[in-house]
Amino acid sequence: MSRLNEWTLAQALDVCREIEHVIAPVGFHVGLRGSLLLNGESNNDLDLIIYPHDSTSVCLDNVYDALYSIGVVQLKTKEQVHARWRAKGSTDEKHIEIWGYVRRKVDILFVGIP
């Protein structure tokens, strides 16, 4: 039996394809990163990157709506992630949000977002 946050490369690719299908029409794309990309598996989470096709035309609300439409739900905002980092002494400012999909953790790095 698999652990709750265990991901395989095949599962990750299926999720990436599903996300790409709904965010491409609103001007964004998805990419795989982290241990799944490097090792083909993860026992913790799925690390994704979402970026705009055209950085001069960005609306995160459209991305959020698209993600919600396929059952991906936001668990922690960028501000909540940053607060946790600050508590640990980090001053990092990258735009990472924690999401969930089918009861498993998905870390999304947003880049090219003004």
N, C-alpha and C. Protein backbone atom coordinates (compact mmCIF):
# COMPACT_ATOMS: atom_id res chain seq x y z
N MET A 1 0.84 -1.18 0.00
CA MET A 1 0.00 0.00 0.00
C MET A 1 0.88 1.24 0.00
N SER A 2 0.54 2.24 -0.82
CA SER A 2 1.38 3.43 -0.91
C SER A 2 1.09 4.41 0.22
N ARG A 3 2.11 5.17 0.56
CA ARG A 3 1.96 6.20 1.58
C ARG A 3 1.15 7.37 1.02
N LEU A 4 0.57 8.15 1.90
CA LEU A 4 -0.33 9.23 1.50
C LEU A 4 0.33 10.22 0.55
N ASN A 5 1.57 10.63 0.82
CA ASN A 5 2.22 11.64 -0.01
C ASN A 5 3.19 11.06 -1.02
N GLU A 6 3.16 9.75 -1.22
CA GLU A 6 4.06 9.12 -2.17
C GLU A 6 3.59 9.41 -3.60
N TRP A 7 4.53 9.78 -4.45
CA TRP A 7 4.24 10.08 -5.85
C TRP A 7 5.19 9.27 -6.73
N THR A 8 4.69 8.77 -7.84
CA THR A 8 5.53 8.15 -8.86
C THR A 8 5.65 9.11 -10.03
N LEU A 9 6.63 8.88 -10.87
CA LEU A 9 6.80 9.73 -12.05
C LEU A 9 5.57 9.64 -12.97
N ALA A 10 5.03 8.46 -13.12
CA ALA A 10 3.84 8.29 -13.97
C ALA A 10 2.67 9.12 -13.43
N GLN A 11 2.46 9.09 -12.11
CA GLN A 11 1.39 9.89 -11.52
C GLN A 11 1.65 11.38 -11.73
N ALA A 12 2.90 11.79 -11.54
CA ALA A 12 3.26 13.20 -11.70
C ALA A 12 3.00 13.67 -13.13
N LEU A 13 3.36 12.85 -14.09
CA LEU A 13 3.14 13.22 -15.49
C LEU A 13 1.65 13.33 -15.80
N ASP A 14 0.85 12.43 -15.25
CA ASP A 14 -0.60 12.52 -15.44
C ASP A 14 -1.15 13.82 -14.87
N VAL A 15 -0.70 14.20 -13.68
CA VAL A 15 -1.16 15.44 -13.06
C VAL A 15 -0.69 16.64 -13.87
N CYS A 16 0.56 16.63 -14.32
CA CYS A 16 1.06 17.73 -15.14
C CYS A 16 0.24 17.90 -16.40
N ARG A 17 -0.08 16.80 -17.04
CA ARG A 17 -0.90 16.87 -18.27
C ARG A 17 -2.29 17.43 -17.98
N GLU A 18 -2.87 16.98 -16.88
CA GLU A 18 -4.21 17.46 -16.51
C GLU A 18 -4.17 18.96 -16.20
N ILE A 19 -3.16 19.39 -15.46
CA ILE A 19 -3.04 20.82 -15.14
C ILE A 19 -2.77 21.63 -16.40
N GLU A 20 -1.86 21.16 -17.24
CA GLU A 20 -1.56 21.88 -18.49
C GLU A 20 -2.82 22.07 -19.32
N HIS A 21 -3.64 21.05 -19.36
CA HIS A 21 -4.87 21.09 -20.15
C HIS A 21 -5.79 22.24 -19.71
N VAL A 22 -5.83 22.55 -18.41
CA VAL A 22 -6.74 23.60 -17.94
C VAL A 22 -6.07 24.96 -17.79
N ILE A 23 -4.75 25.01 -17.64
CA ILE A 23 -4.12 26.34 -17.48
C ILE A 23 -3.59 26.92 -18.78
N ALA A 24 -3.32 26.08 -19.78
CA ALA A 24 -2.86 26.61 -21.07
C ALA A 24 -3.88 27.57 -21.69
N PRO A 25 -5.17 27.26 -21.65
CA PRO A 25 -6.15 28.19 -22.23
C PRO A 25 -6.18 29.56 -21.54
N VAL A 26 -5.68 29.65 -20.30
CA VAL A 26 -5.65 30.94 -19.61
C VAL A 26 -4.24 31.54 -19.60
N GLY A 27 -3.37 31.00 -20.47
CA GLY A 27 -2.07 31.62 -20.71
C GLY A 27 -0.93 31.16 -19.82
N PHE A 28 -1.02 29.97 -19.22
CA PHE A 28 0.04 29.48 -18.35
C PHE A 28 0.46 28.07 -18.75
N HIS A 29 1.60 27.66 -18.23
CA HIS A 29 2.11 26.31 -18.46
C HIS A 29 2.64 25.74 -17.16
N VAL A 30 2.83 24.42 -17.13
CA VAL A 30 3.30 23.72 -15.94
C VAL A 30 4.56 22.93 -16.27
N GLY A 31 5.43 22.81 -15.29
CA GLY A 31 6.62 21.98 -15.43
C GLY A 31 6.87 21.21 -14.14
N LEU A 32 7.54 20.10 -14.30
CA LEU A 32 7.89 19.25 -13.17
C LEU A 32 9.26 19.63 -12.64
N ARG A 33 9.43 19.58 -11.33
CA ARG A 33 10.72 19.88 -10.71
C ARG A 33 10.88 19.01 -9.47
N GLY A 34 11.98 19.13 -8.79
CA GLY A 34 12.18 18.43 -7.52
C GLY A 34 12.58 16.97 -7.68
N SER A 35 12.35 16.20 -6.62
CA SER A 35 12.83 14.82 -6.56
C SER A 35 12.15 13.92 -7.60
N LEU A 36 10.92 14.22 -7.98
CA LEU A 36 10.28 13.41 -9.01
C LEU A 36 11.02 13.56 -10.34
N LEU A 37 11.42 14.76 -10.66
CA LEU A 37 12.18 14.99 -11.89
C LEU A 37 13.55 14.33 -11.79
N LEU A 38 14.20 14.47 -10.65
CA LEU A 38 15.56 13.95 -10.48
C LEU A 38 15.61 12.45 -10.24
N ASN A 39 14.69 11.92 -9.44
CA ASN A 39 14.76 10.52 -9.02
C ASN A 39 13.62 9.64 -9.51
N GLY A 40 12.59 10.24 -10.08
CA GLY A 40 11.46 9.46 -10.57
C GLY A 40 10.45 9.09 -9.52
N GLU A 41 10.65 9.56 -8.27
CA GLU A 41 9.70 9.29 -7.20
C GLU A 41 9.88 10.30 -6.08
N SER A 42 8.86 10.40 -5.25
CA SER A 42 8.93 11.27 -4.07
C SER A 42 8.08 10.66 -2.98
N ASN A 43 8.58 10.71 -1.78
CA ASN A 43 7.81 10.25 -0.62
C ASN A 43 7.21 11.41 0.15
N ASN A 44 7.33 12.61 -0.39
CA ASN A 44 6.87 13.79 0.33
C ASN A 44 5.81 14.58 -0.43
N ASP A 45 6.15 15.06 -1.63
CA ASP A 45 5.22 15.92 -2.35
C ASP A 45 5.56 15.94 -3.83
N LEU A 46 4.69 16.58 -4.58
CA LEU A 46 4.88 16.81 -6.00
C LEU A 46 5.29 18.26 -6.15
N ASP A 47 6.47 18.51 -6.73
CA ASP A 47 6.96 19.88 -6.92
C ASP A 47 6.73 20.29 -8.37
N LEU A 48 5.95 21.36 -8.54
CA LEU A 48 5.64 21.87 -9.87
C LEU A 48 6.05 23.33 -9.98
N ILE A 49 6.20 23.76 -11.21
CA ILE A 49 6.43 25.17 -11.52
C ILE A 49 5.31 25.58 -12.48
N ILE A 50 4.73 26.74 -12.22
CA ILE A 50 3.73 27.29 -13.13
C ILE A 50 4.22 28.66 -13.57
N TYR A 51 4.17 28.89 -14.86
CA TYR A 51 4.71 30.14 -15.42
C TYR A 51 3.82 30.62 -16.57
N PRO A 52 3.80 31.94 -16.79
CA PRO A 52 2.95 32.47 -17.85
C PRO A 52 3.57 32.29 -19.23
N HIS A 53 2.72 32.10 -20.21
CA HIS A 53 3.17 32.06 -21.61
C HIS A 53 3.69 33.44 -22.01
N ASP A 54 3.02 34.47 -21.55
CA ASP A 54 3.39 35.86 -21.83
C ASP A 54 3.37 36.61 -20.51
N SER A 55 4.53 37.00 -20.01
CA SER A 55 4.62 37.62 -18.69
C SER A 55 4.01 39.02 -18.65
N THR A 56 3.61 39.56 -19.80
CA THR A 56 2.96 40.87 -19.79
C THR A 56 1.45 40.75 -19.62
N SER A 57 0.96 39.50 -19.62
CA SER A 57 -0.48 39.28 -19.47
C SER A 57 -0.68 38.16 -18.45
N VAL A 58 -0.76 38.55 -17.18
CA VAL A 58 -0.81 37.58 -16.09
C VAL A 58 -2.03 37.83 -15.20
N CYS A 59 -2.81 36.79 -15.00
CA CYS A 59 -3.93 36.86 -14.06
C CYS A 59 -3.96 35.56 -13.27
N LEU A 60 -3.43 35.60 -12.04
CA LEU A 60 -3.40 34.40 -11.21
C LEU A 60 -4.78 33.89 -10.87
N ASP A 61 -5.76 34.77 -10.78
CA ASP A 61 -7.12 34.31 -10.49
C ASP A 61 -7.59 33.29 -11.51
N ASN A 62 -7.22 33.50 -12.79
CA ASN A 62 -7.60 32.54 -13.83
C ASN A 62 -6.93 31.19 -13.61
N VAL A 63 -5.67 31.21 -13.17
CA VAL A 63 -4.96 29.96 -12.88
C VAL A 63 -5.62 29.26 -11.70
N TYR A 64 -5.90 30.02 -10.65
CA TYR A 64 -6.55 29.44 -9.47
C TYR A 64 -7.89 28.80 -9.84
N ASP A 65 -8.69 29.51 -10.62
CA ASP A 65 -9.98 28.96 -11.05
C ASP A 65 -9.79 27.66 -11.85
N ALA A 66 -8.79 27.64 -12.72
CA ALA A 66 -8.52 26.45 -13.52
C ALA A 66 -8.10 25.28 -12.63
N LEU A 67 -7.24 25.55 -11.65
CA LEU A 67 -6.80 24.49 -10.74
C LEU A 67 -7.97 23.96 -9.92
N TYR A 68 -8.78 24.87 -9.39
CA TYR A 68 -9.95 24.45 -8.61
C TYR A 68 -10.90 23.60 -9.45
N SER A 69 -10.99 23.89 -10.75
CA SER A 69 -11.92 23.17 -11.62
C SER A 69 -11.59 21.69 -11.76
N ILE A 70 -10.34 21.32 -11.47
CA ILE A 70 -9.95 19.89 -11.57
C ILE A 70 -9.68 19.30 -10.19
N GLY A 71 -10.07 20.01 -9.15
CA GLY A 71 -9.95 19.46 -7.80
C GLY A 71 -8.64 19.74 -7.09
N VAL A 72 -7.83 20.62 -7.63
CA VAL A 72 -6.60 21.04 -6.94
C VAL A 72 -6.99 22.19 -6.02
N VAL A 73 -6.66 22.07 -4.73
CA VAL A 73 -7.10 23.07 -3.76
C VAL A 73 -5.91 23.69 -3.02
N GLN A 74 -6.01 24.98 -2.80
CA GLN A 74 -4.94 25.68 -2.09
C GLN A 74 -5.00 25.38 -0.60
N LEU A 75 -3.86 24.99 -0.05
CA LEU A 75 -3.76 24.70 1.38
C LEU A 75 -3.04 25.81 2.13
N LYS A 76 -2.01 26.42 1.50
CA LYS A 76 -1.28 27.53 2.12
C LYS A 76 -0.93 28.55 1.05
N THR A 77 -1.19 29.81 1.36
CA THR A 77 -0.86 30.90 0.46
C THR A 77 0.63 31.20 0.50
N LYS A 78 1.07 32.02 -0.43
CA LYS A 78 2.47 32.47 -0.44
C LYS A 78 2.81 33.13 0.89
N GLU A 79 1.91 33.94 1.41
CA GLU A 79 2.16 34.64 2.67
C GLU A 79 2.30 33.66 3.83
N GLN A 80 1.49 32.62 3.85
CA GLN A 80 1.60 31.61 4.91
C GLN A 80 2.91 30.83 4.80
N VAL A 81 3.31 30.52 3.58
CA VAL A 81 4.60 29.83 3.37
C VAL A 81 5.73 30.72 3.84
N HIS A 82 5.69 32.00 3.48
CA HIS A 82 6.74 32.93 3.89
C HIS A 82 6.78 33.09 5.41
N ALA A 83 5.63 33.13 6.05
CA ALA A 83 5.60 33.25 7.52
C ALA A 83 6.29 32.05 8.16
N ARG A 84 6.06 30.86 7.61
CA ARG A 84 6.72 29.67 8.14
C ARG A 84 8.23 29.75 7.93
N TRP A 85 8.63 30.24 6.76
CA TRP A 85 10.07 30.39 6.49
C TRP A 85 10.70 31.41 7.44
N ARG A 86 9.99 32.53 7.67
CA ARG A 86 10.52 33.57 8.57
C ARG A 86 10.73 33.00 9.98
N ALA A 87 9.80 32.17 10.42
CA ALA A 87 9.91 31.56 11.74
C ALA A 87 11.15 30.67 11.84
N LYS A 88 11.61 30.20 10.70
CA LYS A 88 12.82 29.35 10.66
C LYS A 88 14.07 30.16 10.31
N GLY A 89 13.91 31.49 10.14
CA GLY A 89 15.05 32.35 9.88
C GLY A 89 15.35 32.63 8.42
N SER A 90 14.52 32.17 7.51
CA SER A 90 14.76 32.39 6.08
C SER A 90 14.16 33.72 5.63
N THR A 91 14.84 34.39 4.72
CA THR A 91 14.32 35.62 4.12
C THR A 91 13.96 35.41 2.64
N ASP A 92 13.88 34.16 2.22
CA ASP A 92 13.57 33.82 0.83
C ASP A 92 12.23 34.43 0.42
N GLU A 93 12.14 34.90 -0.81
CA GLU A 93 10.93 35.56 -1.30
C GLU A 93 10.28 34.86 -2.49
N LYS A 94 10.78 33.68 -2.88
CA LYS A 94 10.17 33.07 -4.06
C LYS A 94 8.69 32.75 -3.78
N HIS A 95 7.93 32.72 -4.86
CA HIS A 95 6.48 32.56 -4.78
C HIS A 95 6.12 31.07 -4.80
N ILE A 96 6.06 30.48 -3.62
CA ILE A 96 5.65 29.09 -3.48
C ILE A 96 4.35 29.04 -2.69
N GLU A 97 3.44 28.22 -3.18
CA GLU A 97 2.18 27.96 -2.48
C GLU A 97 2.04 26.46 -2.31
N ILE A 98 1.34 26.06 -1.27
CA ILE A 98 1.10 24.64 -1.02
C ILE A 98 -0.34 24.33 -1.44
N TRP A 99 -0.48 23.32 -2.26
CA TRP A 99 -1.77 22.91 -2.77
C TRP A 99 -1.97 21.43 -2.45
N GLY A 100 -3.17 20.96 -2.64
CA GLY A 100 -3.47 19.55 -2.45
C GLY A 100 -4.20 19.01 -3.65
N TYR A 101 -3.93 17.74 -3.95
CA TYR A 101 -4.62 17.08 -5.05
C TYR A 101 -4.81 15.62 -4.66
N VAL A 102 -6.03 15.17 -4.61
CA VAL A 102 -6.39 13.81 -4.23
C VAL A 102 -5.68 13.45 -2.91
N ARG A 103 -5.86 14.35 -1.94
CA ARG A 103 -5.34 14.16 -0.58
C ARG A 103 -3.82 14.06 -0.50
N ARG A 104 -3.11 14.59 -1.51
CA ARG A 104 -1.65 14.58 -1.49
C ARG A 104 -1.13 16.00 -1.71
N LYS A 105 0.06 16.24 -1.20
CA LYS A 105 0.64 17.59 -1.19
C LYS A 105 1.33 17.91 -2.53
N VAL A 106 1.06 19.14 -2.98
CA VAL A 106 1.67 19.65 -4.21
C VAL A 106 2.24 21.03 -3.90
N ASP A 107 3.55 21.19 -4.06
CA ASP A 107 4.20 22.49 -3.90
C ASP A 107 4.30 23.14 -5.28
N ILE A 108 3.75 24.35 -5.40
CA ILE A 108 3.77 25.04 -6.69
C ILE A 108 4.63 26.29 -6.57
N LEU A 109 5.65 26.37 -7.42
CA LEU A 109 6.49 27.55 -7.56
C LEU A 109 5.96 28.35 -8.74
N PHE A 110 5.51 29.57 -8.47
CA PHE A 110 5.04 30.44 -9.54
C PHE A 110 6.20 31.36 -9.95
N VAL A 111 6.52 31.39 -11.22
CA VAL A 111 7.59 32.28 -11.72
C VAL A 111 7.03 33.15 -12.84
N GLY A 112 7.68 34.29 -13.04
CA GLY A 112 7.23 35.22 -14.07
C GLY A 112 5.97 35.96 -13.70
N ILE A 113 5.68 36.02 -12.40
CA ILE A 113 4.50 36.69 -11.90
C ILE A 113 4.94 38.04 -11.32
N PRO A 114 4.47 39.14 -11.90
CA PRO A 114 4.91 40.45 -11.36
C PRO A 114 4.43 40.70 -9.94
